[in-house]
Every structure is written in C-alpha cells, then in structure tokens.
Protein backbone atom coordinates (compact mmCIF):
# COMPACT_ATOMS: atom_id res chain seq x y z
CA MET A 1 0.00 0.00 0.00
CA SER A 2 1.40 3.39 -1.01
CA ALA A 3 2.01 6.08 1.58
CA VAL A 4 -0.83 8.18 0.12
CA LYS A 5 -3.34 5.31 0.28
CA HIS A 6 -2.26 4.49 3.81
CA TRP A 7 -2.73 8.13 4.83
CA MET A 8 -6.16 8.27 3.19
CA LEU A 9 -7.22 5.08 4.95
CA ARG A 10 -6.20 6.54 8.31
CA VAL A 11 -8.17 9.70 7.57
CA VAL A 12 -11.28 7.68 6.68
CA VAL A 13 -10.96 5.62 9.87
CA ARG A 14 -10.60 8.78 11.96
CA ILE A 15 -13.65 10.34 10.33
CA LYS A 16 -15.73 7.19 10.92
CA ASN A 17 -14.62 7.01 14.55
CA GLY A 18 -15.38 10.70 15.00
CA VAL A 19 -18.88 10.31 13.60
CA LYS A 20 -19.44 7.22 15.79
CA ARG A 21 -18.35 9.10 18.91
CA LEU A 22 -20.63 12.01 17.99
CA ILE A 23 -23.67 9.73 17.57
CA ILE A 24 -22.91 7.88 20.80
CA GLY A 25 -22.52 11.17 22.66
CA LEU A 26 -25.87 12.36 21.37
CA ILE A 27 -27.60 9.13 22.46
CA LEU A 28 -26.05 9.36 25.92
CA SER A 29 -27.31 12.93 26.29
CA LEU A 30 -30.93 12.02 25.56
CA PRO A 31 -33.51 11.61 28.34
CA THR A 32 -33.90 7.95 29.24
CA GLN A 33 -37.32 7.41 27.64
CA VAL A 34 -36.23 9.08 24.40
CA GLN A 35 -32.96 7.15 24.47
CA LEU A 36 -34.80 3.84 24.72
CA ARG A 37 -36.79 4.67 21.58
CA VAL A 38 -33.71 5.10 19.41
CA LEU A 39 -31.61 2.21 20.73
CA PRO A 40 -31.66 -1.15 18.91
CA SER A 41 -33.66 -3.82 20.72
CA SER A 42 -30.48 -5.67 21.71
CA GLN A 43 -29.45 -2.63 23.77
CA TRP A 44 -32.76 -1.94 25.52
CA TYR A 45 -32.91 -1.95 29.30
CA ASP A 46 -35.58 -1.48 31.94
CA SER A 47 -34.96 1.94 33.45
CA SER A 48 -36.95 0.93 36.54
CA LEU A 49 -34.52 -1.93 37.26
CA VAL A 50 -31.20 -0.11 37.22
CA PRO A 51 -29.03 -1.91 39.82
CA VAL A 52 -28.02 -0.22 43.05
CA PRO A 53 -24.21 -0.11 43.39
CA GLU A 54 -22.62 -2.45 45.93
CA ASN A 55 -21.80 -1.14 49.40
CA LEU A 56 -19.33 -2.95 51.66
CA SER A 57 -18.95 -2.51 55.40
CA SER A 58 -16.93 0.60 56.18
CA HIS A 59 -15.37 -1.26 59.13
CA SER A 60 -13.07 -3.26 56.83
CA ARG A 61 -9.59 -1.86 56.44
CA SER A 62 -9.52 -2.86 52.76
CA ARG A 63 -12.60 -2.91 50.54
CA LEU A 64 -12.06 -4.47 47.13
CA MET A 65 -14.11 -4.22 43.94
CA ILE A 66 -13.32 -6.59 41.04
CA ALA A 67 -14.94 -5.57 37.74
CA PRO A 68 -16.37 -5.74 35.12
CA ALA A 69 -15.71 -9.05 33.28
CA ASN A 70 -16.26 -11.95 35.73
CA SER A 71 -14.95 -14.39 33.11
CA ALA A 72 -16.04 -17.93 34.06
CA GLY A 73 -17.34 -16.45 37.31
CA GLN A 74 -13.82 -15.75 38.53
CA GLY A 75 -14.38 -12.13 39.60
CA TRP A 76 -16.94 -13.41 42.07
CA ALA A 77 -14.80 -16.41 43.07
CA TRP A 78 -11.75 -14.27 43.83
CA ALA A 79 -13.89 -11.83 45.84
CA GLN A 80 -15.27 -14.70 47.91
CA ALA A 81 -11.75 -16.06 48.44
CA VAL A 82 -10.72 -12.69 49.92
CA ASN A 83 -13.78 -12.68 52.16
CA ARG A 84 -13.09 -16.21 53.34
CA TYR A 85 -9.33 -16.21 53.77
CA PHE A 86 -8.08 -12.63 54.25
CA SER A 87 -8.97 -11.01 57.56
CA GLY A 88 -9.40 -7.26 57.56
CA ALA A 89 -10.62 -7.13 53.96
CA THR A 90 -13.98 -7.50 52.25
CA ALA A 91 -14.57 -7.85 48.54
CA THR A 92 -17.27 -8.00 45.90
CA ASN A 93 -17.50 -7.85 42.15
CA MET A 94 -19.49 -6.16 39.41
CA ALA A 95 -20.02 -7.71 36.01
CA VAL A 96 -21.78 -6.88 32.78
CA VAL A 97 -24.45 -9.51 32.11
CA GLY A 98 -25.57 -10.16 28.55
CA PRO A 99 -28.26 -12.42 27.08
CA GLN A 100 -25.87 -15.41 27.04
CA ASP A 101 -25.19 -15.30 30.78
CA PHE A 102 -24.49 -18.76 32.20
CA GLY A 103 -25.57 -17.97 35.75
CA PHE A 104 -22.19 -17.30 37.33
CA GLY A 105 -22.18 -15.84 40.83
CA CYS A 106 -21.90 -12.06 40.94
CA GLY A 107 -22.16 -9.38 43.61
CA GLU A 108 -23.53 -6.72 41.26
CA PRO A 109 -24.80 -8.02 37.91
CA VAL A 110 -25.43 -5.14 35.50
CA PRO A 111 -27.43 -5.66 32.29
CA LEU A 112 -25.50 -4.76 29.15
CA GLY A 113 -27.92 -1.98 28.18
CA VAL A 114 -27.62 -0.36 31.61
CA TYR A 115 -23.83 -0.59 31.57
CA ARG A 116 -23.65 0.91 28.12
CA TRP A 117 -26.31 3.63 28.16
CA SER A 118 -27.72 4.48 31.61
CA ARG A 119 -26.25 7.79 32.76
CA ARG A 120 -27.96 7.31 36.11
CA TRP A 121 -26.07 4.07 36.66
CA HIS A 122 -22.80 5.53 35.33
CA GLU A 123 -22.90 8.37 37.83
CA ALA A 124 -24.05 6.24 40.76
CA GLN A 125 -21.42 3.57 40.10
CA ARG A 126 -18.64 6.13 39.79
CA GLU A 127 -19.66 7.74 43.08
CA ALA A 128 -20.00 4.39 44.85
CA VAL A 129 -16.65 2.97 43.76
CA THR A 130 -14.61 6.10 44.42
CA SER A 131 -16.18 6.75 47.83
CA ARG A 132 -16.88 3.28 49.28
CA PHE A 133 -13.90 1.19 48.14
CA THR A 134 -10.18 1.32 48.84
CA HIS A 135 -8.97 -1.13 46.16
CA VAL A 136 -10.06 -2.00 42.62
CA LEU A 137 -8.97 -4.81 40.31
CA VAL A 138 -9.82 -3.82 36.74
CA GLU A 139 -10.48 -6.88 34.59
CA SER A 140 -9.44 -7.14 30.95
CA ASP A 141 -8.81 -3.38 30.58
CA ARG A 142 -12.56 -2.82 30.30
CA PRO A 143 -14.16 0.43 31.55
CA LEU A 144 -15.81 0.28 34.95
CA PHE A 145 -18.32 3.04 34.38
CA GLY A 146 -19.82 2.19 30.99
CA ASP A 147 -18.35 1.55 27.55
CA ALA A 148 -20.69 3.35 25.15
CA GLN A 149 -17.77 5.58 24.14
CA LEU A 150 -15.77 2.45 23.25
CA ARG A 151 -12.97 3.41 25.62
CA THR A 152 -10.34 1.31 27.31
CA ALA A 153 -10.17 1.40 31.10
CA GLU A 154 -7.33 3.94 31.04
CA ALA A 155 -9.47 7.00 31.84
CA ASP A 156 -11.32 5.19 34.63
CA ILE A 157 -8.03 3.98 36.11
CA ASP A 158 -6.64 7.53 36.13
CA GLU A 159 -9.80 8.70 37.89
CA LEU A 160 -9.57 5.97 40.53
CA VAL A 161 -5.92 6.66 41.22
CA ALA A 162 -6.62 10.39 41.50
CA ALA A 163 -9.34 9.58 44.05
CA GLY A 164 -6.78 7.79 46.19
CA LEU A 165 -7.72 4.16 45.44
CA THR A 166 -5.18 1.39 44.99
CA VAL A 167 -5.67 -0.07 41.51
CA GLY A 168 -4.49 -3.34 40.00
CA LEU A 169 -4.97 -4.89 36.56
CA LEU A 170 -6.31 -8.40 36.06
CA PHE A 171 -6.28 -10.51 32.88
CA HIS A 172 -7.97 -13.80 32.00
CA GLY A 173 -6.42 -14.91 28.69
CA SER A 174 -7.39 -13.67 25.24
CA ASP A 175 -7.62 -10.14 26.65
CA ILE A 176 -3.79 -9.96 26.94
CA ARG A 177 -2.40 -13.06 25.16
CA LEU A 178 -0.54 -12.03 21.98
CA PRO A 179 -1.69 -14.42 19.21
CA SER A 180 1.49 -14.15 17.14
CA ARG A 181 3.67 -15.10 20.13
CA HIS A 182 1.42 -18.04 20.94
CA ALA A 183 1.43 -19.24 17.34
CA GLU A 184 5.24 -19.09 17.19
CA ARG A 185 5.63 -21.57 20.05
CA MET A 186 2.51 -23.71 19.60
CA GLN A 187 2.03 -25.91 16.52
CA TRP A 188 -1.66 -26.33 17.29
CA SER A 189 -2.34 -22.74 18.28
CA PRO A 190 -5.80 -21.51 17.20
CA PHE A 191 -4.08 -18.32 16.05
CA HIS A 192 -2.37 -19.87 13.01
CA GLY A 193 -3.47 -18.49 9.66
CA GLU A 194 -7.23 -18.11 9.38
CA ARG A 195 -8.28 -20.72 11.94
CA TRP A 196 -10.06 -18.06 14.01
CA SER A 197 -11.58 -14.92 12.53
CA LEU A 198 -10.96 -12.87 15.69
CA THR A 199 -7.17 -13.33 15.59
CA PRO A 200 -6.30 -10.02 13.81
CA ALA A 201 -8.41 -7.98 16.24
CA LEU A 202 -6.93 -9.81 19.23
CA GLU A 203 -3.42 -9.26 17.89
CA GLN A 204 -3.93 -5.52 17.57
CA ARG A 205 -5.62 -5.22 20.96
CA ALA A 206 -3.05 -7.31 22.86
CA GLY A 207 -0.13 -5.59 21.15
CA GLU A 208 -1.39 -2.12 22.03
CA LEU A 209 -2.20 -3.14 25.58
CA GLN A 210 1.15 -4.81 26.22
CA SER A 211 2.95 -1.69 24.94
CA ARG A 212 0.94 0.42 27.35
CA LEU A 213 1.54 -1.88 30.29
CA ALA A 214 5.28 -1.94 29.73
CA ASN A 215 5.45 1.51 31.32
CA SER A 216 2.75 0.99 33.94
CA ALA A 217 3.55 0.99 37.65
CA LEU A 218 0.28 -0.73 38.53
CA PRO A 219 0.38 -4.31 39.84
CA ILE A 220 -0.72 -6.87 37.26
CA PHE A 221 -2.32 -10.26 37.87
CA PHE A 222 -3.13 -13.05 35.40
CA SER A 223 -5.20 -16.20 35.77
CA THR A 224 -3.47 -18.82 33.60
CA PRO A 225 0.26 -19.60 33.91
CA ASP A 226 1.04 -19.15 30.21
CA LEU A 227 0.31 -15.42 30.50
CA THR A 228 3.60 -14.88 32.29
CA LEU A 229 5.05 -14.85 28.76
CA ASP A 230 2.82 -11.90 27.86
CA VAL A 231 3.08 -9.93 31.12
CA PRO A 232 6.34 -11.12 32.75
CA GLN A 233 6.00 -8.35 35.33
CA GLY A 234 2.68 -9.85 36.47
CA HIS A 235 1.67 -12.27 39.23
CA TRP A 236 -0.20 -15.55 38.85
CA LEU A 237 -3.62 -15.39 40.52
CA PRO A 238 -4.89 -19.00 40.43
CA VAL A 239 -8.48 -19.54 39.37
CA VAL A 240 -10.81 -20.55 42.19
CA VAL A 241 -13.39 -23.32 42.41
CA ASP A 242 -15.36 -24.56 45.41
CA PRO A 243 -14.36 -28.23 45.85
CA SER A 244 -17.44 -29.03 47.93
CA ILE A 245 -19.72 -28.40 44.94
CA TRP A 246 -17.91 -30.91 42.77
CA GLU A 247 -17.13 -33.78 45.17
CA LEU A 248 -20.61 -35.21 44.91
CA GLY A 249 -20.54 -38.11 42.47
CA PRO A 250 -19.56 -41.77 42.51
CA PRO A 251 -15.94 -42.75 41.82
CA VAL A 252 -14.85 -42.89 38.20
CA PHE A 253 -15.47 -46.17 36.35
CA SER A 254 -17.69 -47.46 39.17
CA HIS A 255 -20.74 -47.91 36.89
CA GLY A 256 -19.31 -51.00 35.20
CA GLY A 257 -19.94 -49.89 31.61
CA VAL A 258 -17.67 -48.43 28.96
CA PRO A 259 -15.91 -45.18 29.98
CA VAL A 260 -18.08 -42.08 29.64
CA VAL A 261 -16.13 -39.23 28.07
CA ALA A 262 -17.24 -35.58 28.15
CA HIS A 263 -16.01 -32.50 26.31
CA ALA A 264 -17.48 -29.12 27.32
CA PRO A 265 -15.64 -26.33 25.47
CA SER A 266 -16.47 -22.73 26.35
CA LYS A 267 -15.21 -21.73 22.88
CA ALA A 268 -14.91 -24.66 20.50
CA ALA A 269 -12.81 -22.62 18.07
CA VAL A 270 -9.98 -22.22 20.59
CA LYS A 271 -10.30 -25.51 22.48
CA GLY A 272 -9.41 -27.80 19.58
CA SER A 273 -12.88 -29.34 19.46
CA ASP A 274 -12.49 -29.96 15.74
CA LEU A 275 -9.62 -32.33 16.60
CA VAL A 276 -11.49 -34.12 19.37
CA ASP A 277 -15.02 -34.65 18.08
CA PRO A 278 -14.34 -36.94 15.10
CA VAL A 279 -11.97 -39.14 17.11
CA MET A 280 -14.40 -39.54 20.00
CA LYS A 281 -17.25 -40.27 17.63
CA LYS A 282 -15.16 -42.99 16.00
CA LEU A 283 -14.29 -44.56 19.35
CA GLU A 284 -17.96 -44.40 20.35
CA ASP A 285 -19.01 -46.12 17.12
CA GLU A 286 -16.57 -48.92 17.97
CA GLY A 287 -18.19 -49.31 21.38
CA LEU A 288 -15.07 -48.25 23.32
CA ILE A 289 -16.60 -45.18 24.98
CA ARG A 290 -19.80 -43.21 25.36
CA TYR A 291 -19.20 -39.62 24.24
CA VAL A 292 -21.02 -36.67 25.80
CA ARG A 293 -20.62 -33.36 23.96
CA VAL A 294 -21.66 -30.53 26.31
CA GLU A 295 -22.74 -27.08 25.12
CA ASN A 296 -24.75 -24.16 26.55
CA VAL A 297 -25.23 -25.75 29.97
CA PRO A 298 -25.79 -23.28 32.87
CA THR A 299 -22.98 -23.30 35.41
CA GLY A 300 -25.27 -24.64 38.13
CA GLU A 301 -25.86 -27.84 36.14
CA MET A 302 -22.21 -28.60 35.39
CA PRO A 303 -21.47 -30.49 38.65
CA ALA A 304 -24.11 -33.05 37.70
CA VAL A 305 -22.57 -33.33 34.22
CA TYR A 306 -19.00 -33.89 35.40
CA THR A 307 -19.86 -36.24 38.25
CA SER A 308 -21.78 -38.48 35.83
CA VAL A 309 -18.77 -39.11 33.55
CA ASP A 310 -15.37 -40.76 33.90
CA ILE A 311 -13.09 -38.75 31.63
CA VAL A 312 -13.16 -35.04 30.84
CA LEU A 313 -11.41 -33.76 27.73
CA ASP A 314 -10.44 -30.13 28.26
CA GLN A 315 -8.58 -28.42 25.40
CA PHE A 316 -6.10 -29.27 22.65
CA SER A 317 -4.96 -25.94 21.18
CA LEU A 318 -3.90 -23.44 23.84
CA GLY A 319 -1.63 -25.60 25.99
CA ILE A 320 -3.15 -24.34 29.26
CA TYR A 321 -5.58 -25.41 31.95
CA GLY A 322 -8.27 -23.26 33.52
CA VAL A 323 -11.55 -23.30 35.39
CA ALA A 324 -13.15 -26.24 33.55
CA ALA A 325 -10.15 -28.49 34.16
CA CYS A 326 -10.08 -27.51 37.84
CA GLU A 327 -13.77 -28.31 38.20
CA ALA A 328 -13.25 -31.73 36.61
CA MET A 329 -10.24 -32.44 38.84
CA ALA A 330 -12.23 -31.38 41.91
CA ALA A 331 -14.92 -33.84 40.84
CA GLY A 332 -12.34 -36.63 40.86
CA ARG A 333 -12.58 -37.20 37.12
CA THR A 334 -9.72 -38.26 34.86
CA VAL A 335 -8.79 -35.02 33.08
CA VAL A 336 -7.15 -35.30 29.67
CA SER A 337 -5.78 -32.28 27.85
CA PHE A 338 -2.84 -30.74 26.03
CA VAL A 339 -0.83 -28.76 28.59
CA SER A 340 2.48 -27.25 27.57
CA ASP A 341 5.76 -27.94 29.37
CA GLN A 342 5.96 -24.23 30.19
CA VAL A 343 2.67 -24.36 32.09
CA ARG A 344 3.51 -27.63 33.86
CA ASP A 345 6.93 -26.33 34.92
CA PHE A 346 5.48 -23.01 36.07
CA VAL A 347 2.88 -24.73 38.28
CA SER A 348 5.44 -27.13 39.71
CA GLU A 349 7.83 -24.32 40.61
CA ALA A 350 5.06 -22.15 42.09
CA THR A 351 3.33 -24.85 44.14
CA GLY A 352 5.71 -27.80 44.51
CA LEU A 353 3.00 -30.03 43.05
CA THR A 354 2.64 -31.91 39.78
CA LEU A 355 -0.40 -31.07 37.70
CA PRO A 356 -2.56 -34.24 37.62
CA ILE A 357 -3.77 -33.83 34.04
CA ILE A 358 -2.95 -36.54 31.52
CA ASP A 359 -1.30 -35.00 28.49
CA LEU A 360 -2.57 -35.85 25.01
CA SER A 361 -0.75 -34.56 21.93
CA PRO A 362 -3.09 -32.88 19.44
CA ASP A 363 -1.48 -34.68 16.49
CA THR A 364 -1.87 -38.17 17.99
CA ILE A 365 -5.17 -37.95 19.85
CA GLU A 366 -6.58 -41.21 18.52
CA GLN A 367 -3.51 -43.35 19.17
CA GLU A 368 -2.92 -41.95 22.65
CA MET A 369 -6.58 -42.12 23.60
CA ARG A 370 -6.75 -45.79 22.58
CA ALA A 371 -3.68 -46.51 24.69
CA LEU A 372 -5.11 -44.61 27.64
CA LEU A 373 -8.40 -46.52 27.54
CA ASN A 374 -6.34 -49.69 27.99
CA ASP A 375 -4.53 -48.26 31.03
CA ARG A 376 -7.26 -48.07 33.68
CA GLN A 377 -4.71 -47.81 36.50
CA ARG A 378 -3.14 -44.65 35.05
CA MET A 379 -6.54 -43.01 34.71
CA LEU A 380 -7.54 -43.94 38.28
CA GLU A 381 -4.26 -42.62 39.68
CA HIS A 382 -4.65 -39.20 38.03
CA ALA A 383 -8.32 -38.99 39.00
CA SER A 384 -7.48 -39.68 42.65
CA ARG A 385 -4.92 -36.85 42.76
CA GLY A 386 -7.21 -34.21 41.29
CA PRO A 387 -9.28 -33.22 44.35
CA GLU A 388 -6.24 -32.72 46.58
CA PHE A 389 -4.48 -30.65 43.91
CA VAL A 390 -7.51 -28.37 43.64
CA ARG A 391 -7.79 -28.04 47.42
CA SER A 392 -4.11 -27.09 47.59
CA VAL A 393 -3.96 -24.66 44.68
CA HIS A 394 -7.42 -23.60 43.53
CA ASP A 395 -9.79 -23.44 46.52
CA GLY A 396 -9.05 -19.74 47.14
CA LYS A 397 -6.45 -19.84 49.91
CA LEU A 398 -3.50 -19.40 47.56
CA SER A 399 -5.33 -16.75 45.54
CA ALA A 400 -6.11 -14.73 48.68
CA ALA A 401 -2.46 -14.99 49.69
CA VAL A 402 -1.37 -13.69 46.28
CA LEU A 403 -3.68 -10.67 46.72
CA SER A 404 -2.57 -10.00 50.29
CA LYS A 405 0.31 -7.67 49.44
CA PHE A 406 -1.93 -5.70 47.07
CA LEU A 407 -4.68 -5.39 49.70
CA GLU A 408 -2.22 -4.26 52.35
CA CYS A 409 -1.13 -1.25 50.28
C-alpha cells in the first residue's frame, strides 16, 4: 500500500470514529425514555430496574471491587476467596451480564444496556466505587463506568488513582495473550493463519495493551500460567473453584460400563474441538466409549454433568488449563488435555506439586486415547490426585495470599 493510500485510509478511519463518537454522545445525552426509543432492541434496558451499586462494610480496612468481566465467574470467586481467607478485607464484584449469561455468581450483575447507556447508573457507580472502596482490580482493561464511548479502562483507572484508590490490573487470557507469540511456540495454536476470525483484532488489541503496560507501575495479575510470557511483570492469581460443589458423584469407572467421556468447550474454536469430536465419535461407534458433547449448559448444572462421567477432555490448542479443568479435577474425574511444558513447569515451581492432568498430543489424539483406555490404573491414579491438587492450589487460599500484598497497600 502506497504512503498516500495508507494516509487516506487513516483519515477515513478517523472520520468514521469521530462520527461514531458524535452519535454515541448524542444518544447518551438524551432523556432515558427518548434514548430507549432510538436504541436497537439488543441494547434496551428497563430503566426501573437499574441496579443499586454495591456497598461494603466501612469497618473493613480494605474494601475491594473486582470488575467488570467476571470471566467464568472468577471475579466473584476471587472476591469470595478474599472474604473467606483474608482477615481485615472484604470484597465483591461487578459484572456486565448479557443475554448469554451462564448464571455465574456475581455481587452486582449489571445488564449490558444499563452498563452501556444508563447515565444514572454511570454516575451512581462512579460515586459508589470512588467513595466506598479502597482497592479495585480492573479486569481485561474494560471500563468500569460504561463503555458506550468504546474506551479502554485507562481513563477510569486515572480517575480511581486520583481519588486515592489502589488499583491493579487483572487478565484472563485472550484479553492480553498475543496471538502471534502463541502461534510461534505452539504448533496447534488456534491463532495460526485463518483458523479463528478474531485473531487479527486480538493481535492488535493485545499488542497495544502490552505496549501500554510496559510503562505501567500498577500491579498486574493473570489467571493462567502461560500469560507470564505476555506480562512477565505480572503475578499468577490462580483460578478458584469450590471443591465441595464438585465432590458429589460416585468414583470414576464405578458404573461398570464403557468409559463415559465428556467435552465441554467454552469456545470450541480455541479448544481444539475440531480435533477431538471426530476421534471420540469414531471410538464411540466402535463401542469403546460413550461420548457426551456438552454445550450451553448453565454453570449450576455442570457439577451433575461432570460427576456423571469418567473422563473429561479439556482443550487441545492453547496448551493451558483453567476453570473447567479444575472443576473436573475437583470432581475426581480423569482429566485429559494438552498442557504445555511451560505451564507444567510453572505450576510445579510455584506450588511444589505436579499437575494431575494426563497429556494428550493434538497430532496423535486417537492413538494416545486408545492406549489410555487400555490403562485403567493410570486413569484412576490421576483422578485420585485431582481433588487434593484443587484443594491445595485452587480453593481460594492461595489466591487470597497472592492478593494479600496488594490489599495491604
């Protein structure tokens, strides 16, 4: 592209963005009832049901708000871990709730339309957070006080710091993971070529964000161990699950039939489901397993799903483990996944424990799965170690300890 064409393209983009900001500003300035008439139906909200901002006890020395993503319910889980294991601090979370909400716990669920367009909520939330809280963890660089202007969280963070709050940054995965770096080191990365349509947008977003964070003095936390490669100045904040919810079912393989295998990807495009499904279907057709493909199940129903199966297949593209794998381990299931050496080594060094997930190479899933089905003892041994690993690393105690230095500031 010539320099002139490149310049013209930039001018067009700036004009489009300027017009978009002007239209959004006009909509935000309208009275609520007029505003609701011009918004698309997907953005409507009930103005009589605008949530009341959270209010924590003023007796706590540290009062923490985690917002606004709550990915996989982790904002809520981390807040509850602080409440349970860190004396002198109380915590809650706020999250934007869309039509595809899976029922995750949340202290202050805010409908998308309210978050985006309600000036009353914007002003009330800003006042509540700056006056009632001492600490804020900003998730995924998303604005805390509404995103209709398509901003990053930078302006909100500056406002919080100016108000005297201690602010940290918290990332879950694709919000900070640089696709090109992942693709360079992972043969089966979902970010190769055109495997995933969102890759270019994620690349631009993560690149810009990492450049900005390089000069940031704010503490940074990340939820999956691979992200240390993207934010090496950050701290691992282990995901949290409640073991008591998952330890409800019979032991694996106690039903006497063929092994029941489940795969429940949150995003099939990045979990390698296209590699797993045909192999499992083939094994099922041969009578070696019963395959359960799980999609769109509310979070409250997942314990019943996992405790009714023997083997849980997690993911085969990213090389990580997250909430779903922890839930399956807590349930005492045999968890099978592709986990990179970097992640395994990181966990071992950080905890002194070995991750009890059986590794399956994406390029040899069928061969390795057939061999595994003939090694019942190996599957039982890994399944038996899962609950204790989760209680040691992912029940909230370690996560609260990681946040302790931040909360004591």
